[in-house]
Amino acid sequence: MKNVVKLENYYLPGDLINRLEEFVDYYNNRRYHESINNLTPADVYYGRGETILQQREIIKQKTMKKRRKNYLSQVINV
C-alpha cells in the first residue's frame, strides 16, 4: 500500500481516498494470497475456499491425466 500512496501525487483528498479504496478492493477481492492457499481473503471469508480448492484439484487431475496420455502416445510413436 505504501507504493500506492508514495509513488503517485494526489492533489485532492478525495483522490487519495478513492485510490486507497481501489487498492483495498483489489487486495481483498482479486489478489491471491499464498498464505491462504492462493485464495483471496474474500473467498476465505465467505466460505468459498473449499469449493475453489476442490475445483482446482479436479482440474489438476484432468490435466495430469491428459499430459500422461500425451506423453505415452509420444513414447509409443518413437
N, C-alpha and C. Protein backbone atom coordinates (compact mmCIF):
# COMPACT_ATOMS: atom_id res chain seq x y z
N MET A 1 0.82 -1.18 0.00
CA MET A 1 0.00 0.00 0.00
C MET A 1 0.87 1.25 0.00
N LYS A 2 2.06 1.16 0.60
CA LYS A 2 2.95 2.32 0.60
C LYS A 2 3.26 2.78 -0.81
N ASN A 3 3.46 1.81 -1.70
CA ASN A 3 3.78 2.17 -3.08
C ASN A 3 2.64 2.94 -3.73
N VAL A 4 1.43 2.60 -3.41
CA VAL A 4 0.28 3.31 -3.97
C VAL A 4 0.28 4.75 -3.51
N VAL A 5 0.54 4.95 -2.25
CA VAL A 5 0.47 6.30 -1.67
C VAL A 5 1.67 7.13 -2.05
N LYS A 6 2.85 6.55 -2.02
CA LYS A 6 4.06 7.35 -2.20
C LYS A 6 4.47 7.58 -3.64
N LEU A 7 4.07 6.73 -4.57
CA LEU A 7 4.53 6.86 -5.94
C LEU A 7 3.67 7.78 -6.79
N GLU A 8 2.50 8.12 -6.32
CA GLU A 8 1.62 8.98 -7.09
C GLU A 8 1.34 10.27 -6.32
N ASN A 9 1.04 11.31 -7.06
CA ASN A 9 0.68 12.59 -6.44
C ASN A 9 -0.84 12.71 -6.40
N TYR A 10 -1.34 13.11 -5.26
CA TYR A 10 -2.77 13.31 -5.08
C TYR A 10 -2.99 14.76 -4.70
N TYR A 11 -3.78 15.45 -5.49
CA TYR A 11 -3.97 16.88 -5.29
C TYR A 11 -5.22 17.19 -4.47
N LEU A 12 -6.10 16.23 -4.39
CA LEU A 12 -7.32 16.40 -3.59
C LEU A 12 -7.45 15.21 -2.64
N PRO A 13 -7.94 15.44 -1.45
CA PRO A 13 -8.10 14.33 -0.51
C PRO A 13 -8.98 13.21 -1.06
N GLY A 14 -9.97 13.58 -1.84
CA GLY A 14 -10.86 12.57 -2.42
C GLY A 14 -10.14 11.63 -3.36
N ASP A 15 -9.14 12.15 -4.09
CA ASP A 15 -8.35 11.31 -4.99
C ASP A 15 -7.62 10.23 -4.21
N LEU A 16 -7.01 10.62 -3.12
CA LEU A 16 -6.29 9.66 -2.28
C LEU A 16 -7.25 8.63 -1.70
N ILE A 17 -8.37 9.08 -1.21
CA ILE A 17 -9.36 8.15 -0.63
C ILE A 17 -9.84 7.15 -1.68
N ASN A 18 -10.13 7.63 -2.89
CA ASN A 18 -10.58 6.73 -3.96
C ASN A 18 -9.52 5.70 -4.31
N ARG A 19 -8.29 6.15 -4.40
CA ARG A 19 -7.19 5.23 -4.75
C ARG A 19 -6.99 4.18 -3.66
N LEU A 20 -7.08 4.59 -2.41
CA LEU A 20 -6.95 3.64 -1.31
C LEU A 20 -8.10 2.63 -1.30
N GLU A 21 -9.30 3.10 -1.59
CA GLU A 21 -10.45 2.19 -1.67
C GLU A 21 -10.27 1.17 -2.80
N GLU A 22 -9.73 1.63 -3.93
CA GLU A 22 -9.46 0.72 -5.04
C GLU A 22 -8.43 -0.33 -4.64
N PHE A 23 -7.40 0.11 -3.93
CA PHE A 23 -6.36 -0.82 -3.51
C PHE A 23 -6.91 -1.86 -2.53
N VAL A 24 -7.70 -1.42 -1.58
CA VAL A 24 -8.28 -2.35 -0.59
C VAL A 24 -9.19 -3.35 -1.29
N ASP A 25 -9.97 -2.89 -2.27
CA ASP A 25 -10.83 -3.79 -3.03
C ASP A 25 -9.99 -4.82 -3.78
N TYR A 26 -8.93 -4.36 -4.45
CA TYR A 26 -8.03 -5.28 -5.16
C TYR A 26 -7.41 -6.28 -4.20
N TYR A 27 -6.91 -5.81 -3.08
CA TYR A 27 -6.20 -6.65 -2.13
C TYR A 27 -7.12 -7.72 -1.53
N ASN A 28 -8.35 -7.37 -1.26
CA ASN A 28 -9.27 -8.30 -0.61
C ASN A 28 -10.06 -9.17 -1.56
N ASN A 29 -10.28 -8.71 -2.79
CA ASN A 29 -11.19 -9.43 -3.69
C ASN A 29 -10.54 -10.03 -4.92
N ARG A 30 -9.40 -9.53 -5.35
CA ARG A 30 -8.80 -10.04 -6.59
C ARG A 30 -7.40 -10.59 -6.42
N ARG A 31 -6.68 -10.19 -5.40
CA ARG A 31 -5.30 -10.62 -5.21
C ARG A 31 -5.27 -11.95 -4.47
N TYR A 32 -4.57 -12.92 -5.05
CA TYR A 32 -4.43 -14.23 -4.41
C TYR A 32 -3.31 -14.16 -3.38
N HIS A 33 -3.54 -14.79 -2.23
CA HIS A 33 -2.58 -14.77 -1.13
C HIS A 33 -2.02 -16.17 -0.93
N GLU A 34 -0.71 -16.28 -1.03
CA GLU A 34 -0.07 -17.58 -0.90
C GLU A 34 -0.30 -18.19 0.48
N SER A 35 -0.36 -17.35 1.50
CA SER A 35 -0.51 -17.85 2.86
C SER A 35 -1.88 -18.48 3.13
N ILE A 36 -2.85 -18.23 2.28
CA ILE A 36 -4.17 -18.85 2.43
C ILE A 36 -4.49 -19.68 1.19
N ASN A 37 -3.50 -20.48 0.76
CA ASN A 37 -3.66 -21.43 -0.35
C ASN A 37 -4.03 -20.77 -1.67
N ASN A 38 -3.46 -19.63 -1.94
CA ASN A 38 -3.71 -18.90 -3.19
C ASN A 38 -5.20 -18.63 -3.42
N LEU A 39 -5.85 -18.23 -2.36
CA LEU A 39 -7.23 -17.78 -2.41
C LEU A 39 -7.25 -16.30 -2.08
N THR A 40 -8.35 -15.64 -2.38
CA THR A 40 -8.49 -14.25 -1.96
C THR A 40 -9.08 -14.24 -0.55
N PRO A 41 -8.79 -13.19 0.21
CA PRO A 41 -9.40 -13.10 1.54
C PRO A 41 -10.93 -13.16 1.50
N ALA A 42 -11.52 -12.58 0.48
CA ALA A 42 -12.99 -12.62 0.36
C ALA A 42 -13.49 -14.05 0.18
N ASP A 43 -12.78 -14.85 -0.62
CA ASP A 43 -13.18 -16.25 -0.81
C ASP A 43 -13.14 -17.01 0.51
N VAL A 44 -12.11 -16.79 1.28
CA VAL A 44 -11.99 -17.47 2.58
C VAL A 44 -13.08 -16.98 3.52
N TYR A 45 -13.28 -15.69 3.58
CA TYR A 45 -14.26 -15.10 4.50
C TYR A 45 -15.67 -15.60 4.21
N TYR A 46 -16.03 -15.66 2.93
CA TYR A 46 -17.39 -16.07 2.56
C TYR A 46 -17.55 -17.58 2.42
N GLY A 47 -16.51 -18.34 2.74
CA GLY A 47 -16.62 -19.79 2.75
C GLY A 47 -16.54 -20.46 1.39
N ARG A 48 -16.01 -19.76 0.41
CA ARG A 48 -15.90 -20.35 -0.94
C ARG A 48 -14.57 -21.07 -1.13
N GLY A 49 -13.70 -21.02 -0.15
CA GLY A 49 -12.35 -21.56 -0.28
C GLY A 49 -12.30 -23.04 -0.59
N GLU A 50 -13.04 -23.85 0.16
CA GLU A 50 -13.03 -25.30 -0.05
C GLU A 50 -13.52 -25.67 -1.44
N THR A 51 -14.57 -25.03 -1.89
CA THR A 51 -15.11 -25.31 -3.22
C THR A 51 -14.08 -24.99 -4.29
N ILE A 52 -13.42 -23.86 -4.16
CA ILE A 52 -12.41 -23.45 -5.14
C ILE A 52 -11.25 -24.43 -5.14
N LEU A 53 -10.79 -24.83 -3.96
CA LEU A 53 -9.68 -25.78 -3.88
C LEU A 53 -10.06 -27.13 -4.47
N GLN A 54 -11.29 -27.57 -4.27
CA GLN A 54 -11.75 -28.83 -4.86
C GLN A 54 -11.80 -28.74 -6.38
N GLN A 55 -12.29 -27.61 -6.90
CA GLN A 55 -12.33 -27.42 -8.36
C GLN A 55 -10.92 -27.41 -8.94
N ARG A 56 -10.00 -26.76 -8.25
CA ARG A 56 -8.61 -26.74 -8.71
C ARG A 56 -8.01 -28.14 -8.74
N GLU A 57 -8.32 -28.94 -7.72
CA GLU A 57 -7.80 -30.31 -7.67
C GLU A 57 -8.34 -31.14 -8.82
N ILE A 58 -9.62 -30.98 -9.14
CA ILE A 58 -10.22 -31.70 -10.27
C ILE A 58 -9.53 -31.31 -11.57
N ILE A 59 -9.32 -30.02 -11.77
CA ILE A 59 -8.63 -29.53 -12.97
C ILE A 59 -7.21 -30.07 -13.03
N LYS A 60 -6.54 -30.08 -11.90
CA LYS A 60 -5.17 -30.59 -11.84
C LYS A 60 -5.12 -32.07 -12.23
N GLN A 61 -6.04 -32.87 -11.70
CA GLN A 61 -6.06 -34.29 -12.02
C GLN A 61 -6.35 -34.52 -13.51
N LYS A 62 -7.28 -33.77 -14.07
CA LYS A 62 -7.59 -33.90 -15.50
C LYS A 62 -6.38 -33.52 -16.35
N THR A 63 -5.69 -32.46 -15.95
CA THR A 63 -4.52 -32.01 -16.69
C THR A 63 -3.41 -33.05 -16.64
N MET A 64 -3.17 -33.61 -15.45
CA MET A 64 -2.13 -34.62 -15.31
C MET A 64 -2.46 -35.86 -16.14
N LYS A 65 -3.72 -36.26 -16.15
CA LYS A 65 -4.14 -37.41 -16.93
C LYS A 65 -3.93 -37.16 -18.42
N LYS A 66 -4.29 -35.96 -18.87
CA LYS A 66 -4.14 -35.60 -20.28
C LYS A 66 -2.66 -35.56 -20.66
N ARG A 67 -1.82 -35.00 -19.81
CA ARG A 67 -0.39 -34.94 -20.10
C ARG A 67 0.24 -36.33 -20.14
N ARG A 68 -0.17 -37.19 -19.20
CA ARG A 68 0.34 -38.56 -19.17
C ARG A 68 -0.02 -39.28 -20.47
N LYS A 69 -1.27 -39.12 -20.88
CA LYS A 69 -1.74 -39.76 -22.11
C LYS A 69 -0.96 -39.24 -23.31
N ASN A 70 -0.75 -37.93 -23.36
CA ASN A 70 0.01 -37.32 -24.45
C ASN A 70 1.45 -37.83 -24.47
N TYR A 71 2.06 -37.88 -23.29
CA TYR A 71 3.45 -38.34 -23.18
C TYR A 71 3.57 -39.79 -23.64
N LEU A 72 2.66 -40.64 -23.16
CA LEU A 72 2.72 -42.05 -23.53
C LEU A 72 2.51 -42.25 -25.02
N SER A 73 1.65 -41.46 -25.64
CA SER A 73 1.45 -41.60 -27.09
C SER A 73 2.70 -41.18 -27.86
N GLN A 74 3.44 -40.22 -27.35
CA GLN A 74 4.69 -39.81 -27.99
C GLN A 74 5.76 -40.88 -27.83
N VAL A 75 5.83 -41.51 -26.68
CA VAL A 75 6.82 -42.56 -26.43
C VAL A 75 6.56 -43.76 -27.32
N ILE A 76 5.31 -44.13 -27.49
CA ILE A 76 4.95 -45.28 -28.32
C ILE A 76 5.29 -45.01 -29.78
N ASN A 77 5.13 -43.77 -30.24
CA ASN A 77 5.38 -43.42 -31.64
C ASN A 77 6.85 -43.27 -31.97
N VAL A 78 7.71 -43.23 -30.97
CA VAL A 78 9.14 -43.04 -31.23
C VAL A 78 9.80 -44.30 -31.58
